[in-house]
Amino acid sequence: MLKKRACLLCLMALLSLVSCKPKYGVNSAPNLTTAAADQVILIDFDQISDDVIESMDPEDFPFVKNLTISGNNDTHMVEVNAEIVDNVSNEALTIFLDQLMREISNAAAVQDFRYSKSTDDSYGSFFQKYGVHYVITKGEETVEDVTVQPGESFPFTA
C-alpha cells in the first residue's frame, strides 16, 4: 500500500512537470525592417525596365513595336518611350498606358516597401514622388508627348 502511494505520488509529480512546458520564442509577429521616411533609397530603373518589359505580355499588346523605360533619381522623373504600329485605337492605347503605369508602380514598390502598390482605382504612391514623361510614336510621327508631374493625375483612367 505504501509502495502504491509512493508510485502514485511520483507519477503525479512527473505529470505536473511534463505539463509545465517552457515557451521558446515570442507569440507576436516579428518586426519588419523598414527604412526611415527621410532615408533616400535610389530606385534601380534598369531593373524596373527589365521587370516591366517582362511583365507586359506582347500577346496582350501586339501593337507595341518597341518599349523603353528609364529614369532619373535626381529629377524624380521616369522616361517612357513606346513605338506603336499604325491604326491603334485610343482605347487600346489607354489600356496599354494604364497597365504600364501599374507595372512601373508595382516594380518600384518591390524595390522600396514604403511605396504602395497599384490598386483598381490608383497607381499606388510611387507617382506621388516621381513624375512620368511618356512619348508614344508611330514611325516618325509623335502620337503623344505628355509629362505628368509628381502627384498630378494621369490623362487616362486609373
Protein backbone atom coordinates (compact mmCIF):
# COMPACT_ATOMS: atom_id res chain seq x y z
CA MET A 1 0.00 0.00 0.00
CA LEU A 2 2.81 2.37 0.91
CA LYS A 3 4.62 1.38 -2.24
CA LYS A 4 1.48 2.09 -4.28
CA ARG A 5 1.13 5.58 -2.73
CA ALA A 6 4.77 6.40 -3.41
CA CYS A 7 4.41 5.29 -7.01
CA LEU A 8 1.23 7.34 -7.41
CA LEU A 9 2.93 10.39 -5.86
CA CYS A 10 5.89 10.04 -8.23
CA LEU A 11 3.53 9.67 -11.19
CA MET A 12 1.63 12.84 -10.20
CA ALA A 13 4.89 14.76 -9.76
CA LEU A 14 6.07 13.57 -13.16
CA LEU A 15 2.79 14.58 -14.82
CA SER A 16 2.91 18.03 -13.24
CA LEU A 17 6.46 18.57 -14.51
CA VAL A 18 5.51 17.47 -18.01
CA SER A 19 2.54 19.83 -18.15
CA CYS A 20 4.73 22.88 -17.35
CA LYS A 21 6.38 23.24 -20.73
CA PRO A 22 8.61 26.27 -21.24
CA LYS A 23 7.86 28.73 -24.04
CA TYR A 24 10.51 29.11 -26.67
CA GLY A 25 10.06 32.35 -28.61
CA VAL A 26 7.57 35.13 -28.77
CA ASN A 27 3.95 34.75 -29.79
CA SER A 28 3.77 38.11 -31.57
CA ALA A 29 4.54 38.94 -35.21
CA PRO A 30 8.14 39.83 -35.98
CA ASN A 31 9.09 43.43 -36.59
CA LEU A 32 9.83 44.04 -40.25
CA THR A 33 12.80 46.20 -41.04
CA THR A 34 11.68 49.44 -42.61
CA ALA A 35 13.68 52.40 -43.76
CA ALA A 36 13.11 55.76 -42.17
CA ALA A 37 10.79 58.01 -44.11
CA ASP A 38 13.55 60.50 -44.86
CA GLN A 39 16.17 57.92 -45.87
CA VAL A 40 16.94 58.08 -49.58
CA ILE A 41 16.61 54.79 -51.42
CA LEU A 42 17.70 55.07 -55.03
CA ILE A 43 15.42 53.37 -57.50
CA ASP A 44 17.12 50.99 -59.93
CA PHE A 45 15.43 51.99 -63.18
CA ASP A 46 17.29 49.35 -65.19
CA GLN A 47 15.67 46.70 -63.00
CA ILE A 48 12.27 48.40 -63.27
CA SER A 49 12.63 48.47 -67.05
CA ASP A 50 13.51 44.77 -67.17
CA ASP A 51 10.65 43.82 -64.82
CA VAL A 52 8.03 45.92 -66.60
CA ILE A 53 9.00 44.87 -70.12
CA GLU A 54 8.99 41.23 -68.99
CA SER A 55 5.52 41.57 -67.43
CA MET A 56 3.94 43.44 -70.36
CA ASP A 57 2.88 40.43 -72.44
CA PRO A 58 3.34 41.05 -76.19
CA GLU A 59 0.22 38.96 -76.83
CA ASP A 60 -1.84 41.48 -74.84
CA PHE A 61 -0.30 44.48 -76.63
CA PRO A 62 0.73 43.32 -80.12
CA PHE A 63 0.61 46.90 -81.41
CA VAL A 64 3.69 47.92 -79.37
CA LYS A 65 6.81 47.59 -81.52
CA ASN A 66 9.34 48.93 -79.03
CA LEU A 67 9.22 49.97 -75.36
CA THR A 68 11.99 51.62 -73.35
CA ILE A 69 11.82 52.76 -69.75
CA SER A 70 14.44 54.79 -67.93
CA GLY A 71 14.51 57.16 -65.00
CA ASN A 72 16.47 59.67 -63.00
CA ASN A 73 16.62 59.69 -59.20
CA ASP A 74 17.85 63.30 -59.13
CA THR A 75 14.98 64.77 -61.14
CA HIS A 76 12.43 62.19 -59.90
CA MET A 77 11.26 61.54 -63.44
CA VAL A 78 10.51 58.31 -65.31
CA GLU A 79 11.02 58.38 -69.09
CA VAL A 80 8.88 56.06 -71.22
CA ASN A 81 9.21 55.75 -74.99
CA ALA A 82 6.92 53.45 -76.92
CA GLU A 83 6.67 52.91 -80.64
CA ILE A 84 3.36 51.58 -81.93
CA VAL A 85 2.09 50.32 -85.27
CA ASP A 86 -0.49 52.10 -87.45
CA ASN A 87 -4.22 52.04 -86.73
CA VAL A 88 -4.15 51.74 -82.95
CA SER A 89 -7.33 52.95 -81.28
CA ASN A 90 -7.27 55.48 -78.45
CA GLU A 91 -8.96 52.91 -76.23
CA ALA A 92 -6.21 50.33 -76.83
CA LEU A 93 -3.54 52.95 -76.16
CA THR A 94 -5.28 53.98 -72.93
CA ILE A 95 -5.44 50.37 -71.74
CA PHE A 96 -1.74 49.94 -72.56
CA LEU A 97 -0.72 53.11 -70.70
CA ASP A 98 -2.91 52.21 -67.72
CA GLN A 99 -1.31 48.76 -67.42
CA LEU A 100 2.17 50.21 -68.00
CA MET A 101 1.85 52.71 -65.14
CA ARG A 102 0.55 49.99 -62.82
CA GLU A 103 3.52 47.77 -63.65
CA ILE A 104 6.01 50.61 -63.11
CA SER A 105 4.45 51.45 -59.74
CA ASN A 106 4.44 47.81 -58.63
CA ALA A 107 8.06 47.31 -59.68
CA ALA A 108 9.07 50.40 -57.69
CA ALA A 109 7.13 49.14 -54.65
CA VAL A 110 9.19 45.93 -54.76
CA GLN A 111 12.38 47.98 -54.51
CA ASP A 112 11.15 50.34 -51.78
CA PHE A 113 8.43 48.96 -49.49
CA ARG A 114 7.40 52.48 -48.47
CA TYR A 115 5.60 52.81 -51.82
CA SER A 116 2.17 51.24 -52.03
CA LYS A 117 1.33 49.03 -54.99
CA SER A 118 -1.32 49.94 -57.53
CA THR A 119 -4.95 49.09 -56.89
CA ASP A 120 -8.05 49.06 -59.09
CA ASP A 121 -8.52 52.79 -58.62
CA SER A 122 -4.99 54.17 -58.12
CA TYR A 123 -1.46 53.78 -59.38
CA GLY A 124 0.00 53.46 -55.89
CA SER A 125 2.14 56.01 -54.11
CA PHE A 126 5.24 55.89 -56.35
CA PHE A 127 3.84 58.57 -58.65
CA GLN A 128 3.35 60.91 -55.69
CA LYS A 129 7.14 61.27 -55.59
CA TYR A 130 8.10 60.55 -59.22
CA GLY A 131 6.70 62.07 -62.39
CA VAL A 132 6.45 60.49 -65.83
CA HIS A 133 7.33 61.77 -69.26
CA TYR A 134 5.99 59.44 -71.91
CA VAL A 135 6.32 59.68 -75.67
CA ILE A 136 4.27 57.48 -77.98
CA THR A 137 5.46 57.42 -81.58
CA LYS A 138 4.20 55.86 -84.78
CA GLY A 139 7.17 55.74 -87.13
CA GLU A 140 8.46 59.33 -87.27
CA GLU A 141 5.14 60.80 -86.07
CA THR A 142 4.66 61.63 -82.38
CA VAL A 143 1.23 60.45 -81.26
CA GLU A 144 1.51 61.62 -77.63
CA ASP A 145 4.17 63.56 -75.73
CA VAL A 146 2.95 64.04 -72.16
CA THR A 147 4.65 64.98 -68.90
CA VAL A 148 2.87 64.18 -65.64
CA GLN A 149 4.49 65.84 -62.63
CA PRO A 150 4.68 64.03 -59.26
CA GLY A 151 1.29 63.97 -57.57
CA GLU A 152 -0.65 65.01 -60.69
CA SER A 153 -3.40 62.90 -62.23
CA PHE A 154 -2.76 60.94 -65.39
CA PRO A 155 -4.73 61.90 -68.51
CA PHE A 156 -6.14 58.39 -68.62
CA THR A 157 -8.11 56.34 -66.12
CA ALA A 158 -6.66 54.66 -63.07
